[in-house]
Amino acid sequence: MKNRLEAIRKERGVTQEALAAALEVTRQTISSLEKGRYNPSILLAFKLARYFELRIEDIFIYEEDLP
């Protein structure tokens, strides 16, 4: 799953450390999310959306595997 987390975070002037602290996760978790190495739990996705006052779909891009 792709995401716009890094771009949104930078647009808002938020550091990885500050975002991690606000969401009670590690900076490494934020870094892994931004690099697409980790897909968030639904709870973390909701927390991110609420933090940035966006919809989950505004942050995460679901791409179906089409045959």
PDB file of N, CA and C in Angstrom:
ATOM      1  N   MET A   1       0.848  -1.169   0.000  1.00  0.00           N
ATOM      2  CA  MET A   1       0.000   0.000   0.000  1.00  0.00           C
ATOM      3  C   MET A   1       0.899   1.239   0.000  1.00  0.00           C
ATOM      4  N   LYS A   2       0.598   2.155  -0.870  1.00  0.00           N
ATOM      5  CA  LYS A   2       1.344   3.409  -0.924  1.00  0.00           C
ATOM      6  C   LYS A   2       0.718   4.420   0.022  1.00  0.00           C
ATOM      7  N   ASN A   3       1.502   5.450   0.342  1.00  0.00           N
ATOM      8  CA  ASN A   3       0.948   6.484   1.203  1.00  0.00           C
ATOM      9  C   ASN A   3       1.604   7.833   0.928  1.00  0.00           C
ATOM     10  N   ARG A   4       0.959   8.872   1.424  1.00  0.00           N
ATOM     11  CA  ARG A   4       1.442  10.248   1.261  1.00  0.00           C
ATOM     12  C   ARG A   4       1.922  10.813   2.594  1.00  0.00           C
ATOM     13  N   LEU A   5       2.211   9.932   3.529  1.00  0.00           N
ATOM     14  CA  LEU A   5       2.520  10.360   4.889  1.00  0.00           C
ATOM     15  C   LEU A   5       3.701  11.319   4.952  1.00  0.00           C
ATOM     16  N   GLU A   6       4.797  10.990   4.297  1.00  0.00           N
ATOM     17  CA  GLU A   6       5.972  11.861   4.361  1.00  0.00           C
ATOM     18  C   GLU A   6       5.668  13.247   3.804  1.00  0.00           C
ATOM     19  N   ALA A   7       5.000  13.302   2.659  1.00  0.00           N
ATOM     20  CA  ALA A   7       4.674  14.595   2.046  1.00  0.00           C
ATOM     21  C   ALA A   7       3.754  15.415   2.950  1.00  0.00           C
ATOM     22  N   ILE A   8       2.745  14.776   3.508  1.00  0.00           N
ATOM     23  CA  ILE A   8       1.810  15.476   4.398  1.00  0.00           C
ATOM     24  C   ILE A   8       2.533  15.970   5.644  1.00  0.00           C
ATOM     25  N   ARG A   9       3.357  15.108   6.215  1.00  0.00           N
ATOM     26  CA  ARG A   9       4.091  15.479   7.428  1.00  0.00           C
ATOM     27  C   ARG A   9       4.994  16.677   7.168  1.00  0.00           C
ATOM     28  N   LYS A  10       5.708  16.658   6.056  1.00  0.00           N
ATOM     29  CA  LYS A  10       6.620  17.765   5.737  1.00  0.00           C
ATOM     30  C   LYS A  10       5.854  19.050   5.421  1.00  0.00           C
ATOM     31  N   GLU A  11       4.723  18.929   4.713  1.00  0.00           N
ATOM     32  CA  GLU A  11       3.898  20.112   4.417  1.00  0.00           C
ATOM     33  C   GLU A  11       3.455  20.803   5.698  1.00  0.00           C
ATOM     34  N   ARG A  12       3.194  20.010   6.728  1.00  0.00           N
ATOM     35  CA  ARG A  12       2.707  20.544   8.002  1.00  0.00           C
ATOM     36  C   ARG A  12       3.847  20.943   8.943  1.00  0.00           C
ATOM     37  N   GLY A  13       5.101  20.683   8.519  1.00  0.00           N
ATOM     38  CA  GLY A  13       6.244  21.053   9.342  1.00  0.00           C
ATOM     39  C   GLY A  13       6.398  20.217  10.604  1.00  0.00           C
ATOM     40  N   VAL A  14       6.026  18.953  10.509  1.00  0.00           N
ATOM     41  CA  VAL A  14       6.090  18.048  11.660  1.00  0.00           C
ATOM     42  C   VAL A  14       7.269  17.099  11.473  1.00  0.00           C
ATOM     43  N   THR A  15       8.076  16.933  12.495  1.00  0.00           N
ATOM     44  CA  THR A  15       9.191  15.989  12.418  1.00  0.00           C
ATOM     45  C   THR A  15       8.689  14.573  12.669  1.00  0.00           C
ATOM     46  N   GLN A  16       9.494  13.598  12.238  1.00  0.00           N
ATOM     47  CA  GLN A  16       9.150  12.214  12.527  1.00  0.00           C
ATOM     48  C   GLN A  16       9.067  11.996  14.033  1.00  0.00           C
ATOM     49  N   GLU A  17       9.979  12.610  14.766  1.00  0.00           N
ATOM     50  CA  GLU A  17      10.010  12.448  16.215  1.00  0.00           C
ATOM     51  C   GLU A  17       8.735  12.996  16.869  1.00  0.00           C
ATOM     52  N   ALA A  18       8.306  14.179  16.438  1.00  0.00           N
ATOM     53  CA  ALA A  18       7.108  14.789  17.008  1.00  0.00           C
ATOM     54  C   ALA A  18       5.862  13.966  16.679  1.00  0.00           C
ATOM     55  N   LEU A  19       5.781  13.477  15.458  1.00  0.00           N
ATOM     56  CA  LEU A  19       4.640  12.659  15.062  1.00  0.00           C
ATOM     57  C   LEU A  19       4.622  11.362  15.857  1.00  0.00           C
ATOM     58  N   ALA A  20       5.776  10.735  15.983  1.00  0.00           N
ATOM     59  CA  ALA A  20       5.868   9.491  16.747  1.00  0.00           C
ATOM     60  C   ALA A  20       5.427   9.708  18.198  1.00  0.00           C
ATOM     61  N   ALA A  21       5.889  10.793  18.792  1.00  0.00           N
ATOM     62  CA  ALA A  21       5.516  11.077  20.180  1.00  0.00           C
ATOM     63  C   ALA A  21       4.013  11.298  20.308  1.00  0.00           C
ATOM     64  N   ALA A  22       3.430  12.029  19.374  1.00  0.00           N
ATOM     65  CA  ALA A  22       1.998  12.317  19.432  1.00  0.00           C
ATOM     66  C   ALA A  22       1.158  11.045  19.288  1.00  0.00           C
ATOM     67  N   LEU A  23       1.665  10.086  18.515  1.00  0.00           N
ATOM     68  CA  LEU A  23       0.918   8.859  18.255  1.00  0.00           C
ATOM     69  C   LEU A  23       1.346   7.704  19.157  1.00  0.00           C
ATOM     70  N   GLU A  24       2.330   7.974  20.008  1.00  0.00           N
ATOM     71  CA  GLU A  24       2.847   6.959  20.931  1.00  0.00           C
ATOM     72  C   GLU A  24       3.399   5.738  20.215  1.00  0.00           C
ATOM     73  N   VAL A  25       4.196   5.999  19.166  1.00  0.00           N
ATOM     74  CA  VAL A  25       4.936   4.956  18.459  1.00  0.00           C
ATOM     75  C   VAL A  25       6.385   5.416  18.371  1.00  0.00           C
ATOM     76  N   THR A  26       7.243   4.590  17.808  1.00  0.00           N
ATOM     77  CA  THR A  26       8.648   4.981  17.674  1.00  0.00           C
ATOM     78  C   THR A  26       8.866   5.765  16.386  1.00  0.00           C
ATOM     79  N   ARG A  27       9.955   6.509  16.339  1.00  0.00           N
ATOM     80  CA  ARG A  27      10.326   7.212  15.111  1.00  0.00           C
ATOM     81  C   ARG A  27      10.564   6.201  13.995  1.00  0.00           C
ATOM     82  N   GLN A  28      11.087   5.036  14.346  1.00  0.00           N
ATOM     83  CA  GLN A  28      11.335   3.996  13.346  1.00  0.00           C
ATOM     84  C   GLN A  28      10.027   3.523  12.705  1.00  0.00           C
ATOM     85  N   THR A  29       8.958   3.506  13.479  1.00  0.00           N
ATOM     86  CA  THR A  29       7.655   3.134  12.921  1.00  0.00           C
ATOM     87  C   THR A  29       7.218   4.149  11.874  1.00  0.00           C
ATOM     88  N   ILE A  30       7.377   5.423  12.174  1.00  0.00           N
ATOM     89  CA  ILE A  30       7.014   6.472  11.214  1.00  0.00           C
ATOM     90  C   ILE A  30       7.876   6.357   9.961  1.00  0.00           C
ATOM     91  N   SER A  31       9.161   6.155  10.145  1.00  0.00           N
ATOM     92  CA  SER A  31      10.075   6.006   9.012  1.00  0.00           C
ATOM     93  C   SER A  31       9.679   4.809   8.144  1.00  0.00           C
ATOM     94  N   SER A  32       9.380   3.679   8.770  1.00  0.00           N
ATOM     95  CA  SER A  32       8.981   2.479   8.029  1.00  0.00           C
ATOM     96  C   SER A  32       7.672   2.692   7.270  1.00  0.00           C
ATOM     97  N   LEU A  33       6.732   3.403   7.890  1.00  0.00           N
ATOM     98  CA  LEU A  33       5.478   3.721   7.210  1.00  0.00           C
ATOM     99  C   LEU A  33       5.749   4.564   5.972  1.00  0.00           C
ATOM    100  N   GLU A  34       6.569   5.602   6.135  1.00  0.00           N
ATOM    101  CA  GLU A  34       6.844   6.517   5.025  1.00  0.00           C
ATOM    102  C   GLU A  34       7.543   5.814   3.869  1.00  0.00           C
ATOM    103  N   LYS A  35       8.367   4.842   4.175  1.00  0.00           N
ATOM    104  CA  LYS A  35       9.109   4.125   3.133  1.00  0.00           C
ATOM    105  C   LYS A  35       8.313   2.959   2.553  1.00  0.00           C
ATOM    106  N   GLY A  36       7.120   2.724   3.082  1.00  0.00           N
ATOM    107  CA  GLY A  36       6.276   1.652   2.566  1.00  0.00           C
ATOM    108  C   GLY A  36       6.711   0.271   3.006  1.00  0.00           C
ATOM    109  N   ARG A  37       7.558   0.179   4.021  1.00  0.00           N
ATOM    110  CA  ARG A  37       8.012  -1.122   4.508  1.00  0.00           C
ATOM    111  C   ARG A  37       7.055  -1.713   5.530  1.00  0.00           C
ATOM    112  N   TYR A  38       6.090  -0.927   5.944  1.00  0.00           N
ATOM    113  CA  TYR A  38       5.179  -1.342   7.017  1.00  0.00           C
ATOM    114  C   TYR A  38       3.804  -0.748   6.738  1.00  0.00           C
ATOM    115  N   ASN A  39       2.784  -1.589   6.836  1.00  0.00           N
ATOM    116  CA  ASN A  39       1.407  -1.116   6.730  1.00  0.00           C
ATOM    117  C   ASN A  39       0.857  -0.954   8.139  1.00  0.00           C
ATOM    118  N   PRO A  40       0.198   0.154   8.414  1.00  0.00           N
ATOM    119  CA  PRO A  40      -0.269   0.410   9.773  1.00  0.00           C
ATOM    120  C   PRO A  40      -1.465  -0.453  10.151  1.00  0.00           C
ATOM    121  N   SER A  41      -1.621  -0.634  11.437  1.00  0.00           N
ATOM    122  CA  SER A  41      -2.858  -1.249  11.925  1.00  0.00           C
ATOM    123  C   SER A  41      -3.980  -0.255  11.624  1.00  0.00           C
ATOM    124  N   ILE A  42      -5.194  -0.725  11.660  1.00  0.00           N
ATOM    125  CA  ILE A  42      -6.317   0.175  11.413  1.00  0.00           C
ATOM    126  C   ILE A  42      -6.366   1.265  12.488  1.00  0.00           C
ATOM    127  N   LEU A  43      -6.017   0.918  13.720  1.00  0.00           N
ATOM    128  CA  LEU A  43      -5.999   1.897  14.797  1.00  0.00           C
ATOM    129  C   LEU A  43      -4.972   2.993  14.525  1.00  0.00           C
ATOM    130  N   LEU A  44      -3.775   2.618  14.094  1.00  0.00           N
ATOM    131  CA  LEU A  44      -2.750   3.615  13.792  1.00  0.00           C
ATOM    132  C   LEU A  44      -3.148   4.461  12.584  1.00  0.00           C
ATOM    133  N   ALA A  45      -3.781   3.859  11.598  1.00  0.00           N
ATOM    134  CA  ALA A  45      -4.250   4.620  10.435  1.00  0.00           C
ATOM    135  C   ALA A  45      -5.268   5.674  10.863  1.00  0.00           C
ATOM    136  N   PHE A  46      -6.180   5.300  11.760  1.00  0.00           N
ATOM    137  CA  PHE A  46      -7.162   6.271  12.259  1.00  0.00           C
ATOM    138  C   PHE A  46      -6.488   7.376  13.064  1.00  0.00           C
ATOM    139  N   LYS A  47      -5.500   7.014  13.885  1.00  0.00           N
ATOM    140  CA  LYS A  47      -4.782   8.018  14.670  1.00  0.00           C
ATOM    141  C   LYS A  47      -4.067   9.017  13.762  1.00  0.00           C
ATOM    142  N   LEU A  48      -3.441   8.521  12.702  1.00  0.00           N
ATOM    143  CA  LEU A  48      -2.763   9.404  11.754  1.00  0.00           C
ATOM    144  C   LEU A  48      -3.761  10.342  11.079  1.00  0.00           C
ATOM    145  N   ALA A  49      -4.876   9.794  10.646  1.00  0.00           N
ATOM    146  CA  ALA A  49      -5.896  10.605   9.987  1.00  0.00           C
ATOM    147  C   ALA A  49      -6.426  11.679  10.937  1.00  0.00           C
ATOM    148  N   ARG A  50      -6.689  11.298  12.151  1.00  0.00           N
ATOM    149  CA  ARG A  50      -7.194  12.263  13.134  1.00  0.00           C
ATOM    150  C   ARG A  50      -6.146  13.334  13.422  1.00  0.00           C
ATOM    151  N   TYR A  51      -4.891  12.934  13.567  1.00  0.00           N
ATOM    152  CA  TYR A  51      -3.809  13.885  13.864  1.00  0.00           C
ATOM    153  C   TYR A  51      -3.721  14.963  12.779  1.00  0.00           C
ATOM    154  N   PHE A  52      -3.787  14.532  11.514  1.00  0.00           N
ATOM    155  CA  PHE A  52      -3.666  15.478  10.402  1.00  0.00           C
ATOM    156  C   PHE A  52      -5.006  16.053   9.946  1.00  0.00           C
ATOM    157  N   GLU A  53      -6.094  15.644  10.610  1.00  0.00           N
ATOM    158  CA  GLU A  53      -7.449  16.082  10.263  1.00  0.00           C
ATOM    159  C   GLU A  53      -7.765  15.783   8.797  1.00  0.00           C
ATOM    160  N   LEU A  54      -7.464  14.555   8.417  1.00  0.00           N
ATOM    161  CA  LEU A  54      -7.713  14.065   7.065  1.00  0.00           C
ATOM    162  C   LEU A  54      -8.463  12.743   7.161  1.00  0.00           C
ATOM    163  N   ARG A  55      -8.902  12.262   6.011  1.00  0.00           N
ATOM    164  CA  ARG A  55      -9.488  10.922   5.948  1.00  0.00           C
ATOM    165  C   ARG A  55      -8.351   9.922   5.738  1.00  0.00           C
ATOM    166  N   ILE A  56      -8.540   8.699   6.145  1.00  0.00           N
ATOM    167  CA  ILE A  56      -7.523   7.670   5.931  1.00  0.00           C
ATOM    168  C   ILE A  56      -7.168   7.593   4.445  1.00  0.00           C
ATOM    169  N   GLU A  57      -8.172   7.697   3.589  1.00  0.00           N
ATOM    170  CA  GLU A  57      -7.942   7.605   2.141  1.00  0.00           C
ATOM    171  C   GLU A  57      -7.109   8.768   1.602  1.00  0.00           C
ATOM    172  N   ASP A  58      -7.036   9.860   2.347  1.00  0.00           N
ATOM    173  CA  ASP A  58      -6.206  10.988   1.927  1.00  0.00           C
ATOM    174  C   ASP A  58      -4.730  10.722   2.204  1.00  0.00           C
ATOM    175  N   ILE A  59      -4.458   9.785   3.077  1.00  0.00           N
ATOM    176  CA  ILE A  59      -3.076   9.462   3.454  1.00  0.00           C
ATOM    177  C   ILE A  59      -2.609   8.178   2.777  1.00  0.00           C
ATOM    178  N   PHE A  60      -3.460   7.163   2.815  1.00  0.00           N
ATOM    179  CA  PHE A  60      -3.092   5.843   2.287  1.00  0.00           C
ATOM    180  C   PHE A  60      -3.813   5.556   0.980  1.00  0.00           C
ATOM    181  N   ILE A  61      -3.054   5.019   0.023  1.00  0.00           N
ATOM    182  CA  ILE A  61      -3.589   4.724  -1.307  1.00  0.00           C
ATOM    183  C   ILE A  61      -3.641   3.215  -1.488  1.00  0.00           C
ATOM    184  N   TYR A  62      -4.836   2.686  -1.546  1.00  0.00           N
ATOM    185  CA  TYR A  62      -5.014   1.251  -1.741  1.00  0.00           C
ATOM    186  C   TYR A  62      -5.063   0.975  -3.226  1.00  0.00           C
ATOM    187  N   GLU A  63      -4.207   0.059  -3.649  1.00  0.00           N
ATOM    188  CA  GLU A  63      -4.192  -0.346  -5.063  1.00  0.00           C
ATOM    189  C   GLU A  63      -4.507  -1.828  -5.147  1.00  0.00           C
ATOM    190  N   GLU A  64      -5.627  -2.143  -5.750  1.00  0.00           N
ATOM    191  CA  GLU A  64      -6.013  -3.539  -5.877  1.00  0.00           C
ATOM    192  C   GLU A  64      -5.135  -4.220  -6.899  1.00  0.00           C
ATOM    193  N   ASP A  65      -4.869  -5.507  -6.650  1.00  0.00           N
ATOM    194  CA  ASP A  65      -4.161  -6.318  -7.650  1.00  0.00           C
ATOM    195  C   ASP A  65      -5.195  -6.763  -8.665  1.00  0.00           C
ATOM    196  N   LEU A  66      -5.118  -6.187  -9.839  1.00  0.00           N
ATOM    197  CA  LEU A  66      -6.061  -6.548 -10.883  1.00  0.00           C
ATOM    198  C   LEU A  66      -5.455  -7.651 -11.758  1.00  0.00           C
ATOM    199  N   PRO A  67      -6.300  -8.603 -12.177  1.00  0.00           N
ATOM    200  CA  PRO A  67      -5.768  -9.722 -13.019  1.00  0.00           C
ATOM    201  C   PRO A  67      -5.306  -9.250 -14.367  1.00  0.00           C
TER     202      PRO A  67
END
